[in-house]
Amino acid sequence: ESEQKFSSLAYLANDAIIMMDHNGNISFWSRAAEFMFGYSHQEAMGKDLHQLIAPDRYLELFNIGFKEFKKTGQSKIIGKIREIVGLRRSGREFPLELSVSAIRLNDQWQAVSVIRDITQRKRHEEREKFTSFQAGVAEMSISVLHNIGNAIMSITSRADEVNKGSKELERMAGIFPKIGILAKKRMEKGQSERETLDQLVNVIEEIGGDIQAIIDDKLS
């Protein structure tokens, strides 16, 4: 009776609940797991858990950990909450939060996993990071524009000397469009917003120093 109550409650839980037997096969598959991964209860039962819902690149690590788990009921993920990547039936990967507990049944170690889809949470975190990145760029831009404004004021105050540095200043001005290209390439390579912003600051500070050097040299 207690087992039936557990099965009924677990089957209807919002988080996916999956049980893996001593051979690594699925022995319980909740309703939430059906919706999350795209496999019905009938399709999932008895299948190799890791083969079914884990990306191929993680299978070797899972197999190594599972060997230890079968012997001792211990592994690096037992009793901890981890953020990893799961694989839907469609082949699309998604972020998930995983909590695994070990239980001993019929003198064999088995595992119960509680899984939460954190796709929406990750999207929210990415939006917050992007907003923070935009704020950093805006702050940096204000500082740069301020410095450029000072440089222009310095030049216009000595209008009779402008032509002496016009070619050098034109060359330096052409560097600024490259800053956007640099940022785009860095982001495409997977570099974080913070790293990209730090490098942009360094580039702009260097350009600002070069411009000031030109002004000092040509207008002195």
N, C-alpha and C. Protein backbone atom coordinates (compact mmCIF):
# COMPACT_ATOMS: atom_id res chain seq x y z
N GLU A 1 0.83 -1.21 0.00
CA GLU A 1 0.00 0.00 0.00
C GLU A 1 0.87 1.27 0.00
N SER A 2 1.89 1.31 0.84
CA SER A 2 2.78 2.47 0.90
C SER A 2 3.51 2.66 -0.42
N GLU A 3 3.86 1.57 -1.06
CA GLU A 3 4.54 1.66 -2.35
C GLU A 3 3.61 2.23 -3.41
N GLN A 4 2.34 1.87 -3.33
CA GLN A 4 1.37 2.41 -4.27
C GLN A 4 1.15 3.90 -4.06
N LYS A 5 1.14 4.33 -2.79
CA LYS A 5 0.99 5.75 -2.49
C LYS A 5 2.18 6.54 -3.04
N PHE A 6 3.38 6.00 -2.81
CA PHE A 6 4.57 6.66 -3.32
C PHE A 6 4.51 6.79 -4.84
N SER A 7 4.16 5.70 -5.49
CA SER A 7 4.10 5.70 -6.96
C SER A 7 3.09 6.71 -7.47
N SER A 8 1.93 6.79 -6.79
CA SER A 8 0.89 7.73 -7.20
C SER A 8 1.35 9.17 -7.03
N LEU A 9 1.96 9.47 -5.88
CA LEU A 9 2.43 10.83 -5.62
C LEU A 9 3.58 11.21 -6.54
N ALA A 10 4.53 10.30 -6.70
CA ALA A 10 5.70 10.57 -7.54
C ALA A 10 5.29 10.73 -9.00
N TYR A 11 4.32 9.95 -9.42
CA TYR A 11 3.89 10.00 -10.82
C TYR A 11 3.28 11.37 -11.16
N LEU A 12 2.62 11.98 -10.15
CA LEU A 12 1.92 13.25 -10.37
C LEU A 12 2.75 14.48 -9.98
N ALA A 13 3.96 14.29 -9.47
CA ALA A 13 4.79 15.42 -9.02
C ALA A 13 5.17 16.32 -10.19
N ASN A 14 5.38 17.61 -9.90
CA ASN A 14 5.75 18.57 -10.94
C ASN A 14 7.17 18.32 -11.47
N ASP A 15 8.08 17.95 -10.57
CA ASP A 15 9.43 17.59 -11.00
C ASP A 15 9.44 16.16 -11.50
N ALA A 16 10.30 15.90 -12.47
CA ALA A 16 10.42 14.53 -12.97
C ALA A 16 11.09 13.66 -11.91
N ILE A 17 10.53 12.49 -11.69
CA ILE A 17 11.12 11.52 -10.76
C ILE A 17 11.39 10.23 -11.53
N ILE A 18 12.65 9.83 -11.50
CA ILE A 18 13.08 8.66 -12.27
C ILE A 18 13.86 7.73 -11.34
N MET A 19 13.59 6.45 -11.45
CA MET A 19 14.31 5.47 -10.65
C MET A 19 15.13 4.57 -11.58
N MET A 20 16.39 4.35 -11.20
CA MET A 20 17.29 3.52 -11.99
C MET A 20 17.69 2.29 -11.19
N ASP A 21 17.59 1.12 -11.80
CA ASP A 21 17.91 -0.11 -11.08
C ASP A 21 19.40 -0.40 -11.09
N HIS A 22 19.76 -1.55 -10.55
CA HIS A 22 21.16 -1.93 -10.38
C HIS A 22 21.89 -2.09 -11.72
N ASN A 23 21.14 -2.26 -12.79
CA ASN A 23 21.75 -2.43 -14.11
C ASN A 23 21.79 -1.15 -14.92
N GLY A 24 21.33 -0.06 -14.32
CA GLY A 24 21.33 1.21 -15.02
C GLY A 24 20.09 1.43 -15.86
N ASN A 25 19.09 0.57 -15.70
CA ASN A 25 17.87 0.69 -16.48
C ASN A 25 16.77 1.41 -15.69
N ILE A 26 15.85 2.01 -16.41
CA ILE A 26 14.76 2.77 -15.79
C ILE A 26 13.72 1.83 -15.21
N SER A 27 13.45 2.00 -13.91
CA SER A 27 12.45 1.17 -13.25
C SER A 27 11.25 1.99 -12.77
N PHE A 28 11.36 3.32 -12.84
CA PHE A 28 10.22 4.20 -12.55
C PHE A 28 10.37 5.46 -13.38
N TRP A 29 9.25 5.90 -13.96
CA TRP A 29 9.26 7.04 -14.88
C TRP A 29 7.99 7.84 -14.65
N SER A 30 8.12 8.99 -14.03
CA SER A 30 6.94 9.76 -13.65
C SER A 30 6.30 10.48 -14.84
N ARG A 31 5.12 11.02 -14.58
CA ARG A 31 4.41 11.74 -15.63
C ARG A 31 5.18 12.98 -16.07
N ALA A 32 5.79 13.68 -15.09
CA ALA A 32 6.58 14.87 -15.43
C ALA A 32 7.76 14.50 -16.32
N ALA A 33 8.33 13.30 -16.11
CA ALA A 33 9.43 12.84 -16.95
C ALA A 33 8.95 12.64 -18.39
N GLU A 34 7.71 12.18 -18.53
CA GLU A 34 7.15 12.00 -19.87
C GLU A 34 7.13 13.33 -20.62
N PHE A 35 6.61 14.37 -19.96
CA PHE A 35 6.52 15.68 -20.59
C PHE A 35 7.90 16.29 -20.80
N MET A 36 8.80 16.10 -19.85
CA MET A 36 10.11 16.74 -19.90
C MET A 36 10.98 16.17 -21.01
N PHE A 37 11.00 14.85 -21.13
CA PHE A 37 11.91 14.20 -22.08
C PHE A 37 11.23 13.72 -23.35
N GLY A 38 9.90 13.60 -23.34
CA GLY A 38 9.18 13.23 -24.55
C GLY A 38 8.94 11.76 -24.76
N TYR A 39 9.25 10.93 -23.75
CA TYR A 39 9.02 9.49 -23.85
C TYR A 39 7.87 9.09 -22.91
N SER A 40 6.99 8.26 -23.40
CA SER A 40 5.90 7.78 -22.56
C SER A 40 6.45 6.80 -21.52
N HIS A 41 5.62 6.48 -20.52
CA HIS A 41 6.01 5.53 -19.49
C HIS A 41 6.38 4.18 -20.12
N GLN A 42 5.58 3.74 -21.06
CA GLN A 42 5.83 2.44 -21.71
C GLN A 42 7.13 2.45 -22.51
N GLU A 43 7.43 3.58 -23.14
CA GLU A 43 8.65 3.67 -23.96
C GLU A 43 9.91 3.72 -23.11
N ALA A 44 9.81 4.35 -21.94
CA ALA A 44 11.00 4.56 -21.11
C ALA A 44 11.36 3.37 -20.23
N MET A 45 10.36 2.67 -19.72
CA MET A 45 10.60 1.60 -18.75
C MET A 45 11.53 0.53 -19.33
N GLY A 46 12.55 0.20 -18.54
CA GLY A 46 13.49 -0.84 -18.93
C GLY A 46 14.64 -0.38 -19.80
N LYS A 47 14.58 0.88 -20.26
CA LYS A 47 15.65 1.40 -21.11
C LYS A 47 16.83 1.86 -20.26
N ASP A 48 18.02 1.85 -20.87
CA ASP A 48 19.21 2.37 -20.21
C ASP A 48 19.01 3.87 -19.98
N LEU A 49 19.06 4.30 -18.72
CA LEU A 49 18.75 5.68 -18.38
C LEU A 49 19.67 6.67 -19.09
N HIS A 50 20.95 6.44 -18.98
CA HIS A 50 21.90 7.40 -19.54
C HIS A 50 21.86 7.43 -21.06
N GLN A 51 21.67 6.29 -21.67
CA GLN A 51 21.58 6.24 -23.13
C GLN A 51 20.36 7.00 -23.62
N LEU A 52 19.31 7.02 -22.81
CA LEU A 52 18.05 7.62 -23.24
C LEU A 52 18.04 9.14 -23.11
N ILE A 53 18.55 9.68 -22.01
CA ILE A 53 18.34 11.10 -21.74
C ILE A 53 19.62 11.92 -21.56
N ALA A 54 20.79 11.32 -21.77
CA ALA A 54 22.04 12.07 -21.59
C ALA A 54 22.74 12.26 -22.94
N PRO A 55 23.31 13.45 -23.18
CA PRO A 55 24.09 13.66 -24.41
C PRO A 55 25.26 12.68 -24.48
N ASP A 56 25.63 12.29 -25.68
CA ASP A 56 26.67 11.28 -25.88
C ASP A 56 27.99 11.65 -25.21
N ARG A 57 28.31 12.94 -25.17
CA ARG A 57 29.62 13.34 -24.65
C ARG A 57 29.76 13.08 -23.15
N TYR A 58 28.64 12.82 -22.46
CA TYR A 58 28.69 12.56 -21.03
C TYR A 58 28.65 11.07 -20.67
N LEU A 59 28.42 10.23 -21.65
CA LEU A 59 28.18 8.81 -21.36
C LEU A 59 29.37 8.13 -20.71
N GLU A 60 30.57 8.45 -21.16
CA GLU A 60 31.76 7.80 -20.60
C GLU A 60 31.91 8.13 -19.11
N LEU A 61 31.70 9.40 -18.76
CA LEU A 61 31.79 9.80 -17.36
C LEU A 61 30.71 9.12 -16.53
N PHE A 62 29.50 9.05 -17.07
CA PHE A 62 28.41 8.39 -16.35
C PHE A 62 28.73 6.92 -16.10
N ASN A 63 29.29 6.27 -17.11
CA ASN A 63 29.60 4.85 -16.98
C ASN A 63 30.67 4.61 -15.91
N ILE A 64 31.66 5.49 -15.84
CA ILE A 64 32.70 5.37 -14.82
C ILE A 64 32.09 5.53 -13.43
N GLY A 65 31.26 6.55 -13.27
CA GLY A 65 30.62 6.79 -11.97
C GLY A 65 29.66 5.68 -11.58
N PHE A 66 29.00 5.11 -12.58
CA PHE A 66 28.02 4.06 -12.28
C PHE A 66 28.68 2.79 -11.77
N LYS A 67 29.87 2.49 -12.23
CA LYS A 67 30.59 1.30 -11.74
C LYS A 67 30.85 1.41 -10.24
N GLU A 68 31.24 2.59 -9.79
CA GLU A 68 31.48 2.81 -8.37
C GLU A 68 30.17 2.76 -7.60
N PHE A 69 29.12 3.33 -8.18
CA PHE A 69 27.82 3.35 -7.53
C PHE A 69 27.30 1.94 -7.28
N LYS A 70 27.46 1.05 -8.25
CA LYS A 70 26.97 -0.32 -8.10
C LYS A 70 27.63 -1.04 -6.93
N LYS A 71 28.90 -0.70 -6.69
CA LYS A 71 29.64 -1.37 -5.62
C LYS A 71 29.34 -0.79 -4.24
N THR A 72 29.27 0.54 -4.17
CA THR A 72 29.24 1.21 -2.85
C THR A 72 27.99 2.06 -2.59
N GLY A 73 27.22 2.35 -3.64
CA GLY A 73 26.09 3.25 -3.47
C GLY A 73 26.52 4.70 -3.39
N GLN A 74 27.78 4.96 -3.73
CA GLN A 74 28.32 6.31 -3.68
C GLN A 74 28.80 6.76 -5.06
N SER A 75 28.71 8.07 -5.29
CA SER A 75 29.29 8.69 -6.48
C SER A 75 29.35 10.19 -6.23
N LYS A 76 29.92 10.92 -7.18
CA LYS A 76 30.10 12.36 -7.00
C LYS A 76 28.78 13.12 -6.96
N ILE A 77 27.72 12.54 -7.49
CA ILE A 77 26.45 13.28 -7.55
C ILE A 77 25.46 12.86 -6.47
N ILE A 78 25.73 11.79 -5.74
CA ILE A 78 24.80 11.32 -4.72
C ILE A 78 24.70 12.34 -3.58
N GLY A 79 23.47 12.71 -3.25
CA GLY A 79 23.24 13.63 -2.14
C GLY A 79 23.54 15.08 -2.45
N LYS A 80 23.76 15.41 -3.73
CA LYS A 80 24.08 16.78 -4.11
C LYS A 80 23.11 17.25 -5.20
N ILE A 81 23.02 18.56 -5.34
CA ILE A 81 22.21 19.14 -6.41
C ILE A 81 23.17 19.67 -7.47
N ARG A 82 22.99 19.18 -8.67
CA ARG A 82 23.88 19.56 -9.76
C ARG A 82 23.09 20.14 -10.93
N GLU A 83 23.69 21.07 -11.63
CA GLU A 83 23.12 21.57 -12.87
C GLU A 83 23.87 20.91 -14.02
N ILE A 84 23.13 20.16 -14.84
CA ILE A 84 23.73 19.48 -15.97
C ILE A 84 22.84 19.69 -17.20
N VAL A 85 23.14 18.96 -18.25
CA VAL A 85 22.38 19.08 -19.49
C VAL A 85 21.68 17.77 -19.79
N GLY A 86 20.39 17.85 -20.15
CA GLY A 86 19.63 16.67 -20.52
C GLY A 86 19.32 16.68 -22.01
N LEU A 87 18.79 15.55 -22.48
CA LEU A 87 18.50 15.41 -23.91
C LEU A 87 17.05 14.99 -24.10
N ARG A 88 16.29 15.81 -24.81
CA ARG A 88 14.89 15.48 -25.10
C ARG A 88 14.81 14.49 -26.27
N ARG A 89 13.64 13.92 -26.44
CA ARG A 89 13.44 12.97 -27.53
C ARG A 89 13.72 13.61 -28.89
N SER A 90 13.44 14.88 -29.00
CA SER A 90 13.65 15.61 -30.25
C SER A 90 15.13 15.77 -30.60
N GLY A 91 16.01 15.47 -29.62
CA GLY A 91 17.44 15.65 -29.82
C GLY A 91 17.94 16.98 -29.31
N ARG A 92 17.03 17.80 -28.80
CA ARG A 92 17.42 19.11 -28.28
C ARG A 92 17.89 18.98 -26.84
N GLU A 93 19.01 19.62 -26.54
CA GLU A 93 19.54 19.64 -25.18
C GLU A 93 18.89 20.76 -24.38
N PHE A 94 18.82 20.59 -23.07
CA PHE A 94 18.26 21.62 -22.21
C PHE A 94 18.89 21.54 -20.83
N PRO A 95 18.95 22.66 -20.10
CA PRO A 95 19.55 22.66 -18.77
C PRO A 95 18.60 22.08 -17.73
N LEU A 96 19.14 21.31 -16.81
CA LEU A 96 18.30 20.74 -15.77
C LEU A 96 19.03 20.73 -14.43
N GLU A 97 18.25 20.67 -13.39
CA GLU A 97 18.78 20.57 -12.03
C GLU A 97 18.51 19.15 -11.54
N LEU A 98 19.55 18.48 -11.09
CA LEU A 98 19.48 17.06 -10.75
C LEU A 98 19.84 16.81 -9.30
N SER A 99 18.99 16.04 -8.63
CA SER A 99 19.27 15.60 -7.26
C SER A 99 19.10 14.08 -7.24
N VAL A 100 20.14 13.37 -6.79
CA VAL A 100 20.13 11.91 -6.82
C VAL A 100 20.33 11.33 -5.42
N SER A 101 19.51 10.36 -5.08
CA SER A 101 19.64 9.64 -3.81
C SER A 101 19.83 8.16 -4.09
N ALA A 102 20.57 7.50 -3.22
CA ALA A 102 20.80 6.05 -3.36
C ALA A 102 19.91 5.29 -2.37
N ILE A 103 19.32 4.22 -2.85
CA ILE A 103 18.54 3.34 -1.97
C ILE A 103 18.98 1.89 -2.24
N ARG A 104 18.86 1.07 -1.21
CA ARG A 104 19.27 -0.33 -1.36
C ARG A 104 18.03 -1.23 -1.31
N LEU A 105 17.77 -1.89 -2.41
CA LEU A 105 16.62 -2.78 -2.54
C LEU A 105 17.09 -4.15 -3.00
N ASN A 106 16.61 -5.17 -2.31
CA ASN A 106 16.99 -6.55 -2.66
C ASN A 106 18.51 -6.72 -2.70
N ASP A 107 19.16 -6.06 -1.73
CA ASP A 107 20.61 -6.13 -1.58
C ASP A 107 21.37 -5.57 -2.79
N GLN A 108 20.73 -4.62 -3.48
CA GLN A 108 21.37 -3.97 -4.62
C GLN A 108 21.16 -2.46 -4.55
N TRP A 109 22.16 -1.71 -4.99
CA TRP A 109 22.05 -0.25 -4.97
C TRP A 109 21.27 0.24 -6.19
N GLN A 110 20.31 1.10 -5.91
CA GLN A 110 19.52 1.72 -6.97
C GLN A 110 19.45 3.22 -6.70
N ALA A 111 19.07 3.98 -7.70
CA ALA A 111 19.09 5.44 -7.57
C ALA A 111 17.74 6.05 -7.90
N VAL A 112 17.40 7.07 -7.14
CA VAL A 112 16.19 7.85 -7.40
C VAL A 112 16.62 9.27 -7.73
N SER A 113 16.20 9.75 -8.89
CA SER A 113 16.57 11.09 -9.35
C SER A 113 15.36 12.00 -9.38
N VAL A 114 15.54 13.21 -8.87
CA VAL A 114 14.52 14.25 -8.97
C VAL A 114 15.10 15.31 -9.91
N ILE A 115 14.39 15.57 -10.99
CA ILE A 115 14.91 16.42 -12.06
C ILE A 115 13.97 17.59 -12.32
N ARG A 116 14.56 18.77 -12.41
CA ARG A 116 13.78 19.99 -12.68
C ARG A 116 14.32 20.67 -13.94
N ASP A 117 13.41 20.98 -14.84
CA ASP A 117 13.78 21.73 -16.05
C ASP A 117 14.00 23.19 -15.66
N ILE A 118 15.22 23.70 -15.88
CA ILE A 118 15.53 25.07 -15.47
C ILE A 118 15.77 25.97 -16.69
N THR A 119 15.15 25.61 -17.80
CA THR A 119 15.31 26.40 -19.02
C THR A 119 14.90 27.85 -18.82
N GLN A 120 13.72 28.07 -18.23
CA GLN A 120 13.23 29.43 -18.03
C GLN A 120 14.13 30.21 -17.07
N ARG A 121 14.58 29.54 -16.02
CA ARG A 121 15.47 30.21 -15.06
C ARG A 121 16.76 30.65 -15.73
N LYS A 122 17.32 29.80 -16.57
CA LYS A 122 18.57 30.14 -17.26
C LYS A 122 18.36 31.30 -18.23
N ARG A 123 17.21 31.32 -18.89
CA ARG A 123 16.92 32.43 -19.80
C ARG A 123 16.84 33.75 -19.02
N HIS A 124 16.21 33.69 -17.85
CA HIS A 124 16.10 34.88 -17.02
C HIS A 124 17.49 35.34 -16.57
N GLU A 125 18.35 34.40 -16.19
CA GLU A 125 19.70 34.75 -15.77
C GLU A 125 20.49 35.36 -16.93
N GLU A 126 20.30 34.82 -18.14
CA GLU A 126 21.00 35.36 -19.30
C GLU A 126 20.53 36.78 -19.60
N ARG A 127 19.21 37.03 -19.45
CA ARG A 127 18.70 38.38 -19.67
C ARG A 127 19.30 39.36 -18.66
N GLU A 128 19.41 38.91 -17.41
CA GLU A 128 20.00 39.76 -16.38
C GLU A 128 21.47 40.05 -16.68
N LYS A 129 22.20 39.03 -17.12
CA LYS A 129 23.61 39.22 -17.46
C LYS A 129 23.76 40.19 -18.63
N PHE A 130 22.87 40.06 -19.62
CA PHE A 130 22.95 40.93 -20.78
C PHE A 130 22.63 42.37 -20.39
N THR A 131 21.64 42.54 -19.51
CA THR A 131 21.29 43.87 -19.04
C THR A 131 22.47 44.49 -18.30
N SER A 132 23.14 43.69 -17.47
CA SER A 132 24.31 44.17 -16.75
C SER A 132 25.43 44.54 -17.72
N PHE A 133 25.60 43.72 -18.75
CA PHE A 133 26.62 43.98 -19.77
C PHE A 133 26.33 45.29 -20.50
N GLN A 134 25.05 45.50 -20.85
CA GLN A 134 24.67 46.73 -21.53
C GLN A 134 24.96 47.95 -20.66
N ALA A 135 24.66 47.81 -19.36
CA ALA A 135 24.91 48.92 -18.44
C ALA A 135 26.40 49.23 -18.38
N GLY A 136 27.24 48.18 -18.37
CA GLY A 136 28.69 48.38 -18.35
C GLY A 136 29.18 49.06 -19.61
N VAL A 137 28.64 48.65 -20.75
CA VAL A 137 29.03 49.27 -22.02
C VAL A 137 28.61 50.74 -22.05
N ALA A 138 27.38 51.01 -21.54
CA ALA A 138 26.89 52.38 -21.52
C ALA A 138 27.79 53.27 -20.66
N GLU A 139 28.17 52.74 -19.49
CA GLU A 139 29.04 53.50 -18.60
C GLU A 139 30.40 53.77 -19.25
N MET A 140 30.92 52.74 -19.90
CA MET A 140 32.19 52.87 -20.58
C MET A 140 32.09 53.88 -21.71
N SER A 141 30.98 53.83 -22.47
CA SER A 141 30.81 54.74 -23.61
C SER A 141 30.76 56.18 -23.16
N ILE A 142 30.09 56.44 -22.03
CA ILE A 142 30.01 57.80 -21.51
C ILE A 142 31.40 58.33 -21.20
N SER A 143 32.22 57.46 -20.58
CA SER A 143 33.58 57.87 -20.24
C SER A 143 34.40 58.14 -21.49
N VAL A 144 34.26 57.28 -22.49
CA VAL A 144 35.01 57.45 -23.73
C VAL A 144 34.59 58.73 -24.44
N LEU A 145 33.27 58.95 -24.54
CA LEU A 145 32.77 60.15 -25.21
C LEU A 145 33.24 61.42 -24.50
N HIS A 146 33.30 61.33 -23.19
CA HIS A 146 33.78 62.47 -22.41
C HIS A 146 35.24 62.78 -22.77
N ASN A 147 36.05 61.74 -22.84
CA ASN A 147 37.47 61.93 -23.17
C ASN A 147 37.65 62.45 -24.60
N ILE A 148 36.84 61.89 -25.53
CA ILE A 148 36.93 62.36 -26.91
C ILE A 148 36.49 63.82 -27.01
N GLY A 149 35.44 64.14 -26.24
CA GLY A 149 34.97 65.53 -26.23
C GLY A 149 36.05 66.48 -25.76
N ASN A 150 36.77 66.08 -24.73
CA ASN A 150 37.88 66.91 -24.24
C ASN A 150 38.96 67.08 -25.31
N ALA A 151 39.21 65.98 -26.03
CA ALA A 151 40.22 66.04 -27.09
C ALA A 151 39.80 66.99 -28.20
N ILE A 152 38.52 66.93 -28.57
CA ILE A 152 38.01 67.81 -29.62
C ILE A 152 38.10 69.27 -29.19
N MET A 153 37.73 69.51 -27.92
CA MET A 153 37.82 70.87 -27.40
C MET A 153 39.25 71.39 -27.46
N SER A 154 40.19 70.49 -27.17
CA SER A 154 41.60 70.87 -27.21
C SER A 154 42.03 71.22 -28.62
N ILE A 155 41.52 70.43 -29.58
CA ILE A 155 41.88 70.67 -30.98
C ILE A 155 41.26 71.97 -31.48
N THR A 156 39.97 72.15 -31.26
CA THR A 156 39.28 73.33 -31.78
C THR A 156 39.81 74.61 -31.16
N SER A 157 40.34 74.51 -29.97
CA SER A 157 40.90 75.70 -29.34
C SER A 157 42.20 76.13 -30.00
N ARG A 158 42.76 75.22 -30.80
CA ARG A 158 44.00 75.53 -31.53
C ARG A 158 43.76 75.25 -33.02
N ALA A 159 42.71 75.85 -33.57
CA ALA A 159 42.27 75.53 -34.94
C ALA A 159 43.37 75.70 -35.97
N ASP A 160 44.28 76.65 -35.73
CA ASP A 160 45.33 76.91 -36.71
C ASP A 160 46.32 75.76 -36.82
N GLU A 161 46.27 74.81 -35.84
CA GLU A 161 47.22 73.71 -35.84
C GLU A 161 46.57 72.38 -36.22
N VAL A 162 45.29 72.40 -36.50
CA VAL A 162 44.57 71.14 -36.73
C VAL A 162 45.15 70.36 -37.90
N ASN A 163 45.47 71.05 -39.00
CA ASN A 163 45.91 70.34 -40.19
C ASN A 163 47.17 69.53 -39.96
N LYS A 164 47.97 69.94 -39.00
CA LYS A 164 49.20 69.21 -38.73
C LYS A 164 48.94 67.78 -38.27
N GLY A 165 47.85 67.59 -37.58
CA GLY A 165 47.57 66.25 -37.05
C GLY A 165 46.39 65.58 -37.72
N SER A 166 45.88 66.17 -38.81
CA SER A 166 44.64 65.66 -39.39
C SER A 166 44.77 64.22 -39.89
N LYS A 167 45.87 63.91 -40.55
CA LYS A 167 46.04 62.56 -41.08
C LYS A 167 46.13 61.53 -39.97
N GLU A 168 46.89 61.86 -38.93
CA GLU A 168 47.03 60.94 -37.81
C GLU A 168 45.71 60.75 -37.09
N LEU A 169 44.99 61.85 -36.92
CA LEU A 169 43.69 61.76 -36.23
C LEU A 169 42.68 60.98 -37.07
N GLU A 170 42.74 61.15 -38.38
CA GLU A 170 41.84 60.41 -39.27
C GLU A 170 42.12 58.91 -39.17
N ARG A 171 43.41 58.59 -39.11
CA ARG A 171 43.78 57.17 -38.98
C ARG A 171 43.28 56.59 -37.67
N MET A 172 43.42 57.34 -36.58
CA MET A 172 42.97 56.86 -35.29
C MET A 172 41.45 56.73 -35.24
N ALA A 173 40.75 57.69 -35.89
CA ALA A 173 39.29 57.63 -35.90
C ALA A 173 38.79 56.37 -36.58
N GLY A 174 39.54 55.89 -37.57
CA GLY A 174 39.14 54.68 -38.28
C GLY A 174 39.21 53.43 -37.44
N ILE A 175 39.86 53.52 -36.28
CA ILE A 175 39.99 52.34 -35.42
C ILE A 175 38.68 52.06 -34.68
N PHE A 176 37.90 53.10 -34.41
CA PHE A 176 36.72 52.93 -33.56
C PHE A 176 35.69 51.93 -34.11
N PRO A 177 35.41 51.93 -35.44
CA PRO A 177 34.47 50.91 -35.93
C PRO A 177 34.94 49.49 -35.67
N LYS A 178 36.25 49.32 -35.54
CA LYS A 178 36.79 47.98 -35.30
C LYS A 178 36.45 47.46 -33.91
N ILE A 179 36.13 48.39 -33.01
CA ILE A 179 35.82 47.97 -31.64
C ILE A 179 34.58 47.08 -31.64
N GLY A 180 33.55 47.49 -32.39
CA GLY A 180 32.33 46.68 -32.47
C GLY A 180 32.59 45.32 -33.06
N ILE A 181 33.44 45.27 -34.09
CA ILE A 181 33.79 43.99 -34.72
C ILE A 181 34.50 43.08 -33.73
N LEU A 182 35.41 43.67 -32.95
CA LEU A 182 36.13 42.90 -31.92
C LEU A 182 35.15 42.29 -30.93
N ALA A 183 34.20 43.10 -30.47
CA ALA A 183 33.22 42.60 -29.49
C ALA A 183 32.41 41.45 -30.06
N LYS A 184 31.97 41.60 -31.31
CA LYS A 184 31.16 40.55 -31.95
C LYS A 184 31.93 39.25 -32.06
N LYS A 185 33.19 39.34 -32.50
CA LYS A 185 34.00 38.13 -32.66
C LYS A 185 34.24 37.44 -31.32
N ARG A 186 34.50 38.23 -30.29
CA ARG A 186 34.75 37.66 -28.97
C ARG A 186 33.52 36.91 -28.47
N MET A 187 32.33 37.50 -28.66
CA MET A 187 31.10 36.88 -28.19
C MET A 187 30.80 35.61 -28.98
N GLU A 188 31.09 35.63 -30.31
CA GLU A 188 30.85 34.45 -31.14
C GLU A 188 31.74 33.29 -30.72
N LYS A 189 32.91 33.59 -30.18
CA LYS A 189 33.83 32.55 -29.73
C LYS A 189 33.47 32.02 -28.35
N GLY A 190 32.40 32.54 -27.78
CA GLY A 190 31.96 32.05 -26.48
C GLY A 190 32.55 32.78 -25.30
N GLN A 191 33.27 33.87 -25.56
CA GLN A 191 33.86 34.62 -24.46
C GLN A 191 32.75 35.31 -23.67
N SER A 192 32.89 35.35 -22.37
CA SER A 192 31.85 35.92 -21.52
C SER A 192 31.74 37.42 -21.71
N GLU A 193 30.57 37.97 -21.32
CA GLU A 193 30.37 39.41 -21.42
C GLU A 193 31.41 40.18 -20.60
N ARG A 194 31.72 39.66 -19.42
CA ARG A 194 32.67 40.34 -18.55
C ARG A 194 34.04 40.40 -19.19
N GLU A 195 34.48 39.28 -19.77
CA GLU A 195 35.79 39.25 -20.42
C GLU A 195 35.82 40.18 -21.62
N THR A 196 34.73 40.17 -22.41
CA THR A 196 34.65 41.03 -23.57
C THR A 196 34.70 42.49 -23.17
N LEU A 197 33.94 42.85 -22.15
CA LEU A 197 33.91 44.23 -21.67
C LEU A 197 35.28 44.67 -21.18
N ASP A 198 35.96 43.82 -20.42
CA ASP A 198 37.29 44.15 -19.92
C ASP A 198 38.26 44.42 -21.06
N GLN A 199 38.19 43.60 -22.10
CA GLN A 199 39.10 43.77 -23.23
C GLN A 199 38.77 45.03 -24.02
N LEU A 200 37.47 45.32 -24.17
CA LEU A 200 37.08 46.54 -24.86
C LEU A 200 37.59 47.78 -24.12
N VAL A 201 37.48 47.73 -22.81
CA VAL A 201 37.99 48.85 -22.00
C VAL A 201 39.48 49.06 -22.26
N ASN A 202 40.23 47.97 -22.28
CA ASN A 202 41.67 48.06 -22.52
C ASN A 202 41.97 48.65 -23.90
N VAL A 203 41.21 48.18 -24.91
CA VAL A 203 41.41 48.67 -26.28
C VAL A 203 41.12 50.16 -26.36
N ILE A 204 39.99 50.57 -25.78
CA ILE A 204 39.59 51.97 -25.87
C ILE A 204 40.55 52.86 -25.09
N GLU A 205 41.00 52.40 -23.94
CA GLU A 205 41.97 53.18 -23.18
C GLU A 205 43.27 53.36 -23.97
N GLU A 206 43.67 52.31 -24.68
CA GLU A 206 44.89 52.39 -25.49
C GLU A 206 44.71 53.39 -26.62
N ILE A 207 43.53 53.33 -27.29
CA ILE A 207 43.26 54.26 -28.38
C ILE A 207 43.23 55.69 -27.85
N GLY A 208 42.58 55.87 -26.69
CA GLY A 208 42.52 57.19 -26.10
C GLY A 208 43.90 57.75 -25.81
N GLY A 209 44.79 56.88 -25.33
CA GLY A 209 46.16 57.30 -25.06
C GLY A 209 46.89 57.70 -26.32
N ASP A 210 46.66 56.95 -27.42
CA ASP A 210 47.29 57.27 -28.70
C ASP A 210 46.80 58.61 -29.23
N ILE A 211 45.49 58.85 -29.12
CA ILE A 211 44.93 60.12 -29.59
C ILE A 211 45.54 61.29 -28.81
N GLN A 212 45.62 61.12 -27.50
CA GLN A 212 46.17 62.19 -26.67
C GLN A 212 47.63 62.46 -27.01
N ALA A 213 48.36 61.36 -27.31
CA ALA A 213 49.77 61.52 -27.68
C ALA A 213 49.90 62.30 -28.97
N ILE A 214 49.00 62.02 -29.93
CA ILE A 214 49.03 62.75 -31.20
C ILE A 214 48.75 64.23 -30.98
N ILE A 215 47.72 64.48 -30.15
CA ILE A 215 47.35 65.87 -29.86
C ILE A 215 48.51 66.60 -29.19
N ASP A 216 49.11 65.95 -28.20
CA ASP A 216 50.21 66.58 -27.48
C ASP A 216 51.39 66.87 -28.41
N ASP A 217 51.62 65.92 -29.36
CA ASP A 217 52.77 66.08 -30.24
C ASP A 217 52.54 67.15 -31.29
N LYS A 218 51.33 67.15 -31.86
CA LYS A 218 51.07 68.05 -32.98
C LYS A 218 50.69 69.47 -32.55
N LEU A 219 50.16 69.59 -31.37
CA LEU A 219 49.69 70.91 -30.94
C LEU A 219 50.60 71.56 -29.92
N SER A 220 51.74 70.93 -29.66
CA SER A 220 52.67 71.52 -28.68
C SER A 220 53.55 72.57 -29.34
